[in-house]
Amino acid sequence: MTWDYVIVGGGSAGCALAARLTEDASTRVLVLEAGRPDHLWDPFIHMPAALSFPIGNPRYDWMYASEPEPFMHGRRIYHARGKVLGGSSSINGMIFQRGNPLDYERWGIEEWDYAHCLPYFKKMESCLAGADEWRGGDGPIVLERGPARGPLFDAFFAAVQQAGYALTDDVNGYRQEGFAPFDRTLHRGRRKSAARVYLHPAMGRENLEVRCNTFVGGIVFEGTRAIGVEVEGETIRADEVILCGGAINSPQLLQLAGVARDLPVGENLQDHLEVYVQHACTQPVSVQPALKKWRRPEIGARWLFLRSGPGASNHFEAGGFVRSNEDVAYPNLMFHFLPLAIRYDGSQPAAKHGYQVHVGPMYSDARGSVKIVSQDARVKPSLRFNYLSTAQDRREWVEAIRVARSILGQAAFASLDGGEVSPGPGVRSDEEVLDWVARDAETALHPSCTCAMGSVVDPATMRVFGLDGIRVVDASVFPTVPNGNIYAPVMMVAEKAADLIRGNTPLDPIRADFYRHAERAASR
């Protein structure tokens, strides 16, 4: 048979697209996911606090790594990517950030400016903190706001104000700039991945089929028209192929097909790099003891039977956005505050109690690439991000650590602060800071922009320029990376793309006002 649409990748965007396209009962959709199912019994996927366990586990993670990064002492930067239905939304930190409204103005595409994106942001969400001019109240993505309570969060919110920064009601609403509790894609103690909120509710439809553990080896073309995909040497035919493999796999498949040589497929790779500034805590008020292995049975049982306790939170409950200098029009730094000290791989400092902030520049001008090294789709492509390669990037990294230290050094933390353990008091000068970042930083796992709208993909149709029967819908189509976590922008793109693909009239723009820094607003 010939499907109407074959969606390559059952990740975040693929789940949303499949659900929306099959709302039309006459449209037949096949989703091909190379990873495993997201079994409901699997605590590594569904327990929010278990987020570090799938990372580095080949059953859940594709386990990419960059080429030796020339400005980071030749380090290969590890990149986790979800190898499971729901993609990275099944293993990520569950932080929900739209990005700043000016991110979408920056894209320079009228039909993708903030006014045209806002109705889709609203359509997809149920913000439990309340719907308003900026927030939705009846969409599939249920958003719980972090409680962000306790001595460490109280100290953090007091410290940011002592350092000269404002609080804001909602970083996804009128004003992003400032600090607040964060929205999270979890509800009642469970992760709400794209698979759970979009795909599973649609799986009963006769016009939808989902196949896991199905690896797509290539796109099949007749001339410049895609007619299907190759799976284990056989062709699955489709009227249209939609690539939803993300910023690494979508350009890889296009490059393997060899049909887009005149387009910058795989170029313009962007990401967010981050570090953890960690402090020991002098009082027993952190979540650190919950990390002890002997506590796991108790925590697991409390989560399993009561959906409560340390296992029921992602612990990324608060943070904020600031400008590190007056040259930027909107926040170029994002902070996450954690009431414990831990790395993504689960390692932690020796201190019995601790806390930390995650920080890094949000729209660096560093650019990298994704390039195939083999005609075999199972051979991972070469990834080069070029972190720290520009003067702007290095400047903003120095500023980021300065701002983080300013906040954590305020009087509000005085009774709790057991001293900085990372990077530590031995790292002071700009050169020492940059050397530490080069040696210690990790990716925030936001690769994007490698099949950008306007240069590779037509923003009006999501079709690849010069080709027929093939579209791209995932983080690779961003022209530039937004200034926050990218799950929310990916889902917004998928929601809007579904209307474009179905031939529906896009939702009317919502021209809601939004906060602009006063000096910049006056100069507009």
Protein backbone atom coordinates (compact mmCIF):
# COMPACT_ATOMS: atom_id res chain seq x y z
CA MET A 1 0.00 0.00 0.00
CA THR A 2 0.99 3.64 -0.33
CA TRP A 3 0.61 5.76 2.78
CA ASP A 4 -0.44 9.39 2.59
CA TYR A 5 2.38 10.30 4.96
CA VAL A 6 5.32 8.41 6.37
CA ILE A 7 6.76 10.20 9.39
CA VAL A 8 10.40 9.31 9.98
CA GLY A 9 10.95 9.64 13.71
CA GLY A 10 8.50 9.15 16.56
CA GLY A 11 10.09 11.87 18.63
CA SER A 12 8.60 15.12 19.88
CA ALA A 13 7.56 16.63 16.55
CA GLY A 14 6.66 13.30 14.98
CA CYS A 15 4.23 12.47 17.77
CA ALA A 16 2.42 15.79 17.46
CA LEU A 17 2.27 15.62 13.67
CA ALA A 18 0.91 12.09 13.65
CA ALA A 19 -1.84 13.03 16.09
CA ARG A 20 -2.85 16.15 14.17
CA LEU A 21 -2.67 14.67 10.66
CA THR A 22 -4.81 11.67 11.62
CA GLU A 23 -7.58 13.90 12.92
CA ASP A 24 -8.68 13.63 9.29
CA ALA A 25 -9.98 10.04 9.15
CA SER A 26 -9.24 9.83 5.42
CA THR A 27 -5.51 10.49 5.92
CA ARG A 28 -3.34 7.40 6.46
CA VAL A 29 -0.17 7.97 8.48
CA LEU A 30 2.70 5.61 9.32
CA VAL A 31 5.18 6.57 12.06
CA LEU A 32 8.57 4.84 11.96
CA GLU A 33 10.60 5.05 15.15
CA ALA A 34 14.03 3.43 15.34
CA GLY A 35 13.96 3.25 19.14
CA ARG A 36 12.00 1.18 21.61
CA PRO A 37 8.43 1.68 22.85
CA ASP A 38 7.88 3.91 25.87
CA HIS A 39 6.41 1.16 28.02
CA LEU A 40 4.14 2.47 30.74
CA TRP A 41 5.83 0.24 33.32
CA ASP A 42 9.28 1.76 32.70
CA PRO A 43 10.23 4.04 35.62
CA PHE A 44 13.30 5.40 33.83
CA ILE A 45 10.98 7.13 31.38
CA HIS A 46 8.02 8.04 33.55
CA MET A 47 9.51 8.90 36.97
CA PRO A 48 10.56 12.55 36.70
CA ALA A 49 13.57 12.30 39.02
CA ALA A 50 14.92 9.27 37.13
CA LEU A 51 15.89 11.48 34.19
CA SER A 52 19.63 10.85 34.62
CA PHE A 53 19.29 7.04 34.26
CA PRO A 54 18.44 6.81 30.53
CA ILE A 55 21.25 9.18 29.57
CA GLY A 56 24.26 7.09 28.60
CA ASN A 57 22.18 3.92 28.50
CA PRO A 58 22.18 2.47 24.96
CA ARG A 59 18.65 1.14 25.43
CA TYR A 60 17.32 4.70 25.65
CA ASP A 61 20.03 6.94 24.22
CA TRP A 62 21.64 7.13 20.76
CA MET A 63 24.82 8.28 22.53
CA TYR A 64 26.26 10.75 20.07
CA ALA A 65 29.51 12.62 20.56
CA SER A 66 31.02 15.54 18.75
CA GLU A 67 34.30 15.51 16.91
CA PRO A 68 37.17 16.85 19.03
CA GLU A 69 36.15 20.45 19.67
CA PRO A 70 39.09 22.68 18.74
CA PHE A 71 38.34 25.38 21.33
CA MET A 72 37.62 22.93 24.16
CA HIS A 73 40.98 21.20 24.47
CA GLY A 74 39.97 18.65 21.85
CA ARG A 75 37.19 17.21 24.01
CA ARG A 76 34.43 15.18 22.40
CA ILE A 77 31.19 16.56 23.83
CA TYR A 78 28.68 13.85 24.64
CA HIS A 79 25.19 14.31 23.17
CA ALA A 80 22.29 12.24 24.47
CA ARG A 81 19.37 11.76 22.05
CA GLY A 82 16.21 9.83 22.87
CA LYS A 83 16.16 6.28 21.45
CA VAL A 84 12.56 5.66 22.39
CA LEU A 85 9.04 6.61 21.36
CA GLY A 86 8.65 10.26 22.30
CA GLY A 87 12.29 10.88 21.40
CA SER A 88 14.16 13.21 23.69
CA SER A 89 10.90 14.30 25.33
CA SER A 90 10.98 10.87 26.99
CA ILE A 91 14.43 11.41 28.55
CA ASN A 92 14.83 15.19 28.87
CA GLY A 93 14.69 17.42 31.96
CA MET A 94 10.99 18.28 31.37
CA ILE A 95 11.69 22.03 31.39
CA PHE A 96 9.20 23.98 29.29
CA GLN A 97 10.50 27.26 27.88
CA ARG A 98 9.05 28.98 24.84
CA GLY A 99 11.98 31.29 24.28
CA ASN A 100 11.74 35.05 24.13
CA PRO A 101 9.20 36.68 21.77
CA LEU A 102 12.10 38.47 20.10
CA ASP A 103 13.57 35.08 19.13
CA TYR A 104 10.78 34.75 16.60
CA GLU A 105 11.16 38.31 15.39
CA ARG A 106 14.81 37.44 14.87
CA TRP A 107 13.87 34.59 12.52
CA GLY A 108 12.95 37.25 9.97
CA ILE A 109 10.00 35.30 8.50
CA GLU A 110 6.72 37.17 8.75
CA GLU A 111 4.49 34.10 9.00
CA TRP A 112 6.73 32.78 11.80
CA ASP A 113 7.03 35.95 13.89
CA TYR A 114 5.84 35.96 17.51
CA ALA A 115 2.29 37.02 16.63
CA HIS A 116 1.93 34.05 14.26
CA CYS A 117 3.59 31.57 16.65
CA LEU A 118 1.69 32.61 19.79
CA PRO A 119 -1.66 31.03 18.81
CA TYR A 120 0.09 27.68 18.37
CA PHE A 121 1.90 28.00 21.69
CA LYS A 122 -1.49 28.58 23.27
CA LYS A 123 -3.20 25.80 21.31
CA MET A 124 -0.83 23.10 22.49
CA GLU A 125 -0.79 23.77 26.23
CA SER A 126 -2.89 23.51 29.36
CA CYS A 127 -1.10 25.85 31.72
CA LEU A 128 -2.29 24.88 35.19
CA ALA A 129 -1.15 28.24 36.57
CA GLY A 130 -3.92 29.80 34.50
CA ALA A 131 -4.77 30.74 30.92
CA ASP A 132 -4.59 34.36 29.82
CA GLU A 133 -3.66 36.48 26.80
CA TRP A 134 -0.36 34.63 26.47
CA ARG A 135 -1.08 31.17 27.91
CA GLY A 136 -3.34 28.34 26.77
CA GLY A 137 -5.72 26.38 28.94
CA ASP A 138 -7.09 23.44 26.96
CA GLY A 139 -4.24 21.93 24.92
CA PRO A 140 -2.72 18.45 25.18
CA ILE A 141 0.51 19.46 26.94
CA VAL A 142 -0.30 19.75 30.64
CA LEU A 143 2.13 22.12 32.36
CA GLU A 144 2.69 22.07 36.08
CA ARG A 145 4.60 24.97 37.58
CA GLY A 146 7.41 24.08 39.95
CA PRO A 147 6.53 24.73 43.57
CA ALA A 148 10.06 26.07 44.16
CA ARG A 149 9.60 26.10 47.94
CA GLY A 150 12.00 25.61 50.80
CA PRO A 151 15.01 27.40 52.29
CA LEU A 152 17.23 27.09 49.23
CA PHE A 153 14.62 28.39 46.77
CA ASP A 154 13.74 31.19 49.21
CA ALA A 155 17.41 32.15 49.35
CA PHE A 156 17.73 32.00 45.58
CA PHE A 157 14.79 34.32 44.89
CA ALA A 158 16.03 36.74 47.54
CA ALA A 159 19.58 36.61 46.17
CA VAL A 160 18.63 37.43 42.57
CA GLN A 161 16.85 40.54 43.81
CA GLN A 162 19.81 41.51 45.99
CA ALA A 163 21.97 41.14 42.86
CA GLY A 164 19.75 43.63 41.02
CA TYR A 165 17.48 41.33 39.01
CA ALA A 166 13.70 41.31 38.95
CA LEU A 167 11.19 38.60 39.64
CA THR A 168 8.57 37.91 36.96
CA ASP A 169 5.19 36.22 37.11
CA ASP A 170 5.73 33.89 34.16
CA VAL A 171 8.80 33.51 31.94
CA ASN A 172 6.52 32.14 29.19
CA GLY A 173 4.05 35.01 29.47
CA TYR A 174 4.29 38.78 29.09
CA ARG A 175 7.77 39.10 30.58
CA GLN A 176 10.51 36.53 30.18
CA GLU A 177 13.29 38.63 31.68
CA GLY A 178 13.61 37.91 35.39
CA PHE A 179 13.32 34.94 37.75
CA ALA A 180 10.37 32.71 38.59
CA PRO A 181 9.21 29.14 39.15
CA PHE A 182 9.39 27.21 35.85
CA ASP A 183 6.74 25.29 33.91
CA ARG A 184 7.40 21.56 33.58
CA THR A 185 6.02 18.79 31.36
CA LEU A 186 4.98 16.63 34.26
CA HIS A 187 1.69 16.25 36.06
CA ARG A 188 0.65 14.31 39.13
CA GLY A 189 4.15 12.95 39.53
CA ARG A 190 4.59 11.58 35.99
CA ARG A 191 6.52 12.75 32.94
CA LYS A 192 4.26 13.95 30.13
CA SER A 193 6.26 13.20 27.00
CA ALA A 194 5.07 14.01 23.49
CA ALA A 195 4.28 10.32 23.04
CA ARG A 196 2.04 10.30 26.09
CA VAL A 197 0.11 13.51 25.39
CA TYR A 198 -0.17 13.33 21.59
CA LEU A 199 0.54 9.89 20.16
CA HIS A 200 -0.97 7.41 22.62
CA PRO A 201 -4.39 9.11 22.67
CA ALA A 202 -4.41 8.81 18.85
CA MET A 203 -3.24 5.20 18.59
CA GLY A 204 -6.76 3.83 18.48
CA ARG A 205 -7.39 5.50 15.13
CA GLU A 206 -7.60 3.08 12.21
CA ASN A 207 -5.68 5.51 9.98
CA LEU A 208 -2.57 5.57 12.21
CA GLU A 209 0.13 2.92 12.51
CA VAL A 210 3.22 3.22 14.71
CA ARG A 211 6.20 0.90 14.30
CA CYS A 212 9.02 0.97 16.84
CA ASN A 213 12.44 -0.66 16.47
CA THR A 214 12.21 0.21 12.76
CA PHE A 215 15.33 1.80 11.32
CA VAL A 216 15.00 3.91 8.17
CA GLY A 217 18.04 3.39 5.98
CA GLY A 218 17.30 6.10 3.45
CA ILE A 219 14.80 8.09 1.44
CA VAL A 220 13.78 6.65 -1.92
CA PHE A 221 13.57 9.13 -4.79
CA GLU A 222 12.41 9.05 -8.37
CA GLY A 223 14.23 12.03 -9.82
CA THR A 224 13.60 14.87 -7.39
CA ARG A 225 10.45 13.37 -5.90
CA ALA A 226 10.49 11.31 -2.72
CA ILE A 227 8.31 8.21 -3.13
CA GLY A 228 9.04 6.49 0.18
CA VAL A 229 11.69 5.24 2.56
CA GLU A 230 13.93 2.22 2.74
CA VAL A 231 13.50 -0.14 5.69
CA GLU A 232 15.64 -3.30 5.74
CA GLY A 233 16.07 -3.25 1.98
CA GLU A 234 12.39 -2.76 1.21
CA THR A 235 10.63 0.42 0.12
CA ILE A 236 7.68 1.71 2.11
CA ARG A 237 5.84 3.98 -0.30
CA ALA A 238 4.21 7.27 0.60
CA ASP A 239 2.74 10.26 -1.12
CA GLU A 240 4.88 12.34 1.20
CA VAL A 241 7.80 11.68 3.52
CA ILE A 242 8.09 13.92 6.59
CA LEU A 243 11.46 13.93 8.35
CA CYS A 244 11.11 14.37 12.13
CA GLY A 245 14.47 12.95 13.17
CA GLY A 246 15.84 16.12 14.72
CA ALA A 247 18.83 18.29 13.95
CA ILE A 248 21.17 15.32 13.51
CA ASN A 249 19.17 12.64 11.71
CA SER A 250 17.07 14.78 9.34
CA PRO A 251 20.10 16.36 7.62
CA GLN A 252 21.84 12.98 7.68
CA LEU A 253 19.05 11.37 5.64
CA LEU A 254 18.95 14.28 3.19
CA GLN A 255 22.71 14.09 2.72
CA LEU A 256 22.55 10.31 2.21
CA ALA A 257 19.97 10.84 -0.53
CA GLY A 258 22.37 13.19 -2.34
CA VAL A 259 19.52 15.27 -3.72
CA ALA A 260 20.07 18.47 -1.82
CA ARG A 261 23.69 19.21 -2.70
CA ASP A 262 22.96 22.84 -3.59
CA LEU A 263 21.35 23.53 -0.19
CA PRO A 264 23.19 24.12 3.13
CA VAL A 265 21.85 20.86 4.61
CA GLY A 266 23.68 20.13 7.85
CA GLU A 267 25.22 23.58 8.14
CA ASN A 268 24.24 26.26 10.68
CA LEU A 269 24.29 23.77 13.60
CA GLN A 270 23.54 25.57 16.87
CA ASP A 271 23.28 24.42 20.47
CA HIS A 272 23.44 25.62 24.07
CA LEU A 273 26.51 24.84 26.14
CA GLU A 274 26.22 25.03 29.92
CA VAL A 275 28.17 24.65 33.14
CA TYR A 276 27.18 23.98 36.74
CA VAL A 277 28.30 26.47 39.36
CA GLN A 278 28.05 24.37 42.52
CA HIS A 279 28.18 25.24 46.21
CA ALA A 280 28.31 23.12 49.33
CA CYS A 281 25.48 23.78 51.75
CA THR A 282 26.10 24.12 55.49
CA GLN A 283 22.59 23.14 56.55
CA PRO A 284 20.72 19.85 55.89
CA VAL A 285 18.12 21.47 53.61
CA SER A 286 19.13 20.22 50.15
CA VAL A 287 17.78 17.24 48.23
CA GLN A 288 21.28 15.69 48.21
CA PRO A 289 20.48 12.81 50.61
CA ALA A 290 17.83 11.55 48.18
CA LEU A 291 20.66 10.66 45.80
CA LYS A 292 21.97 7.93 48.11
CA LYS A 293 21.56 4.48 46.60
CA TRP A 294 20.09 3.04 49.79
CA ARG A 295 17.24 5.58 49.51
CA ARG A 296 16.17 4.40 46.05
CA PRO A 297 13.75 1.65 47.13
CA GLU A 298 11.91 3.99 49.48
CA ILE A 299 11.80 6.82 46.90
CA GLY A 300 10.71 4.44 44.16
CA ALA A 301 7.93 2.94 46.26
CA ARG A 302 6.66 6.36 47.32
CA TRP A 303 6.57 7.45 43.69
CA LEU A 304 5.02 4.21 42.45
CA PHE A 305 2.18 4.08 44.96
CA LEU A 306 1.65 7.73 45.92
CA ARG A 307 3.17 9.70 43.00
CA SER A 308 4.92 11.88 45.57
CA GLY A 309 8.28 12.47 47.19
CA PRO A 310 11.66 13.24 45.58
CA GLY A 311 10.92 10.92 42.66
CA ALA A 312 7.91 12.98 41.57
CA SER A 313 9.87 16.13 40.66
CA ASN A 314 12.38 16.92 37.95
CA HIS A 315 13.93 19.35 40.49
CA PHE A 316 14.41 22.02 37.79
CA GLU A 317 11.75 24.04 39.55
CA ALA A 318 12.98 27.61 39.14
CA GLY A 319 15.40 29.87 37.34
CA GLY A 320 15.41 32.89 35.13
CA PHE A 321 16.65 34.93 32.20
CA VAL A 322 18.95 37.96 32.28
CA ARG A 323 20.97 40.16 29.97
CA SER A 324 24.69 39.94 30.73
CA ASN A 325 25.50 43.21 28.98
CA GLU A 326 23.75 46.25 27.53
CA ASP A 327 24.54 45.31 23.93
CA VAL A 328 21.88 42.60 23.81
CA ALA A 329 18.22 43.42 23.24
CA TYR A 330 16.83 40.55 25.31
CA PRO A 331 18.15 37.92 27.74
CA ASN A 332 21.21 36.06 26.56
CA LEU A 333 21.66 33.96 29.72
CA MET A 334 19.37 31.33 31.20
CA PHE A 335 19.66 30.03 34.76
CA HIS A 336 18.26 26.88 36.31
CA PHE A 337 18.53 26.53 40.07
CA LEU A 338 18.67 23.11 41.72
CA PRO A 339 18.44 22.39 45.47
CA LEU A 340 21.18 19.78 45.06
CA ALA A 341 24.54 19.45 43.32
CA ILE A 342 24.68 16.84 40.56
CA ARG A 343 25.70 16.41 36.93
CA TYR A 344 23.58 14.89 34.16
CA ASP A 345 25.51 11.64 34.47
CA GLY A 346 24.53 11.41 38.14
CA SER A 347 27.96 12.26 39.58
CA GLN A 348 28.08 14.64 42.53
CA PRO A 349 30.61 16.45 44.70
CA ALA A 350 31.67 15.06 48.04
CA ALA A 351 29.65 17.59 50.06
CA LYS A 352 26.77 16.07 52.03
CA HIS A 353 24.51 18.91 50.94
CA GLY A 354 24.74 21.29 48.02
CA TYR A 355 23.00 23.48 45.44
CA GLN A 356 23.84 24.72 41.98
CA VAL A 357 22.88 26.88 39.04
CA HIS A 358 23.11 25.83 35.40
CA VAL A 359 24.09 28.73 33.15
CA GLY A 360 25.30 29.43 29.64
CA PRO A 361 24.91 31.85 26.71
CA MET A 362 21.63 31.34 24.90
CA TYR A 363 22.22 32.68 21.40
CA SER A 364 25.88 32.30 20.70
CA ASP A 365 27.12 33.15 17.21
CA ALA A 366 29.17 29.92 17.09
CA ARG A 367 28.08 27.69 14.19
CA GLY A 368 28.82 24.06 13.49
CA SER A 369 27.81 21.28 11.11
CA VAL A 370 26.44 17.77 10.68
CA LYS A 371 28.17 15.78 7.91
CA ILE A 372 27.82 12.16 6.87
CA VAL A 373 30.99 10.04 6.84
CA SER A 374 29.42 6.95 5.26
CA GLN A 375 26.58 5.97 2.94
CA ASP A 376 25.38 3.62 5.69
CA ALA A 377 22.67 5.36 7.73
CA ARG A 378 23.70 3.38 10.82
CA VAL A 379 27.09 5.11 10.85
CA LYS A 380 26.74 8.24 12.95
CA PRO A 381 27.50 11.50 11.16
CA SER A 382 30.31 13.83 12.14
CA LEU A 383 29.16 16.55 14.56
CA ARG A 384 31.17 19.70 15.08
CA PHE A 385 29.69 22.50 17.19
CA ASN A 386 32.66 24.92 17.41
CA TYR A 387 31.81 25.91 20.97
CA LEU A 388 33.82 28.91 22.27
CA SER A 389 35.02 29.68 18.75
CA THR A 390 33.94 33.34 18.62
CA ALA A 391 34.77 36.48 20.54
CA GLN A 392 31.10 37.02 21.42
CA ASP A 393 30.76 33.52 22.79
CA ARG A 394 33.86 33.82 24.95
CA ARG A 395 32.84 37.25 26.24
CA GLU A 396 29.39 36.05 27.23
CA TRP A 397 30.82 33.00 28.97
CA VAL A 398 32.95 35.22 31.20
CA GLU A 399 29.89 37.36 31.88
CA ALA A 400 27.77 34.30 32.64
CA ILE A 401 30.10 33.09 35.39
CA ARG A 402 30.34 36.62 36.78
CA VAL A 403 26.55 36.89 37.01
CA ALA A 404 26.21 33.42 38.54
CA ARG A 405 28.79 34.23 41.20
CA SER A 406 27.17 37.56 41.90
CA ILE A 407 23.84 35.84 42.63
CA LEU A 408 25.24 32.96 44.69
CA GLY A 409 27.46 35.36 46.64
CA GLN A 410 24.60 37.48 47.97
CA ALA A 411 23.72 37.82 51.65
CA ALA A 412 20.60 35.70 51.20
CA PHE A 413 22.85 32.63 50.95
CA ALA A 414 25.16 33.58 53.83
CA SER A 415 23.71 31.15 56.36
CA LEU A 416 23.68 28.30 53.83
CA ASP A 417 26.85 28.76 51.82
CA GLY A 418 29.57 26.20 52.42
CA GLY A 419 31.73 27.58 49.63
CA GLU A 420 31.99 27.18 45.88
CA VAL A 421 33.06 23.66 44.93
CA SER A 422 32.88 24.12 41.15
CA PRO A 423 34.70 25.81 39.52
CA GLY A 424 36.16 26.70 42.94
CA PRO A 425 38.10 29.67 44.31
CA GLY A 426 41.16 28.89 42.16
CA VAL A 427 39.34 29.97 39.01
CA ARG A 428 39.17 33.77 38.97
CA SER A 429 40.62 35.50 35.89
CA ASP A 430 38.87 35.61 32.53
CA GLU A 431 41.45 33.22 31.12
CA GLU A 432 40.96 30.78 34.00
CA VAL A 433 37.18 30.92 33.59
CA LEU A 434 37.38 30.19 29.86
CA ASP A 435 39.83 27.35 30.46
CA TRP A 436 37.49 25.84 33.06
CA VAL A 437 34.49 26.16 30.72
CA ALA A 438 36.48 24.47 27.95
CA ARG A 439 37.36 21.60 30.27
CA ASP A 440 34.08 21.24 32.17
CA ALA A 441 31.10 22.44 30.11
CA GLU A 442 28.45 20.05 28.82
CA THR A 443 25.80 20.45 26.19
CA ALA A 444 22.33 21.48 27.34
CA LEU A 445 21.13 19.09 24.60
CA HIS A 446 19.54 21.61 22.25
CA PRO A 447 21.00 20.86 18.77
CA SER A 448 19.06 22.69 16.09
CA CYS A 449 18.99 24.76 12.88
CA THR A 450 20.58 22.32 10.38
CA CYS A 451 17.69 22.41 7.84
CA ALA A 452 16.72 25.99 8.47
CA MET A 453 13.55 27.57 7.16
CA GLY A 454 14.40 30.05 4.45
CA SER A 455 17.59 28.29 3.35
CA VAL A 456 16.72 24.57 3.25
CA VAL A 457 13.00 24.41 3.99
CA ASP A 458 10.18 26.56 2.60
CA PRO A 459 8.55 28.21 5.63
CA ALA A 460 5.15 28.25 3.90
CA THR A 461 5.01 24.48 3.27
CA MET A 462 7.90 22.86 5.22
CA ARG A 463 9.01 21.27 1.93
CA VAL A 464 12.70 21.00 1.09
CA PHE A 465 13.50 23.53 -1.63
CA GLY A 466 13.80 21.98 -5.09
CA LEU A 467 12.32 18.63 -4.06
CA ASP A 468 8.82 17.16 -4.09
CA GLY A 469 7.18 14.80 -1.65
CA ILE A 470 9.47 15.57 1.28
CA ARG A 471 9.16 17.92 4.23
CA VAL A 472 11.08 18.52 7.45
CA VAL A 473 9.42 19.28 10.79
CA ASP A 474 11.66 19.31 13.88
CA ALA A 475 14.29 21.46 15.60
CA SER A 476 16.44 21.45 12.47
CA VAL A 477 14.12 23.97 10.79
CA PHE A 478 14.78 26.77 13.30
CA PRO A 479 16.72 29.57 11.56
CA THR A 480 18.34 30.41 14.93
CA VAL A 481 18.10 28.66 18.28
CA PRO A 482 15.65 30.24 20.77
CA ASN A 483 17.04 31.46 24.07
CA GLY A 484 15.72 28.61 26.22
CA ASN A 485 15.07 24.88 26.22
CA ILE A 486 13.81 23.89 22.79
CA TYR A 487 11.05 21.32 23.44
CA ALA A 488 8.30 23.97 23.49
CA PRO A 489 9.43 25.63 20.21
CA VAL A 490 9.66 22.20 18.56
CA MET A 491 6.07 21.42 19.53
CA MET A 492 4.89 24.82 18.36
CA VAL A 493 6.54 24.22 14.97
CA ALA A 494 4.88 20.80 14.75
CA GLU A 495 1.46 22.22 15.57
CA LYS A 496 1.74 24.95 12.96
CA ALA A 497 3.29 22.62 10.39
CA ALA A 498 0.32 20.27 10.78
CA ASP A 499 -1.99 23.04 9.60
CA LEU A 500 0.31 23.91 6.70
CA ILE A 501 0.57 20.28 5.61
CA ARG A 502 -3.17 19.66 5.89
CA GLY A 503 -3.92 22.80 3.89
CA ASN A 504 -5.79 24.38 6.79
CA THR A 505 -5.89 28.13 7.13
CA PRO A 506 -3.31 28.93 9.82
CA LEU A 507 -4.59 30.31 13.09
CA ASP A 508 -5.01 34.08 13.16
CA PRO A 509 -2.04 35.93 14.64
CA ILE A 510 -2.35 37.17 18.24
CA ARG A 511 -0.69 40.55 18.57
CA ALA A 512 -0.22 40.46 22.31
CA ASP A 513 2.19 42.95 23.83
CA PHE A 514 5.36 41.63 25.42
CA TYR A 515 8.14 43.02 27.58
CA ARG A 516 11.06 44.78 25.97
CA HIS A 517 14.01 46.18 27.85
CA ALA A 518 13.27 49.91 28.29
CA GLU A 519 16.42 51.28 26.64
CA ARG A 520 15.99 49.03 23.61
CA ALA A 521 12.26 49.73 23.40
CA ALA A 522 12.92 53.46 23.35
CA SER A 523 15.39 53.09 20.48
CA ARG A 524 13.09 51.05 18.24
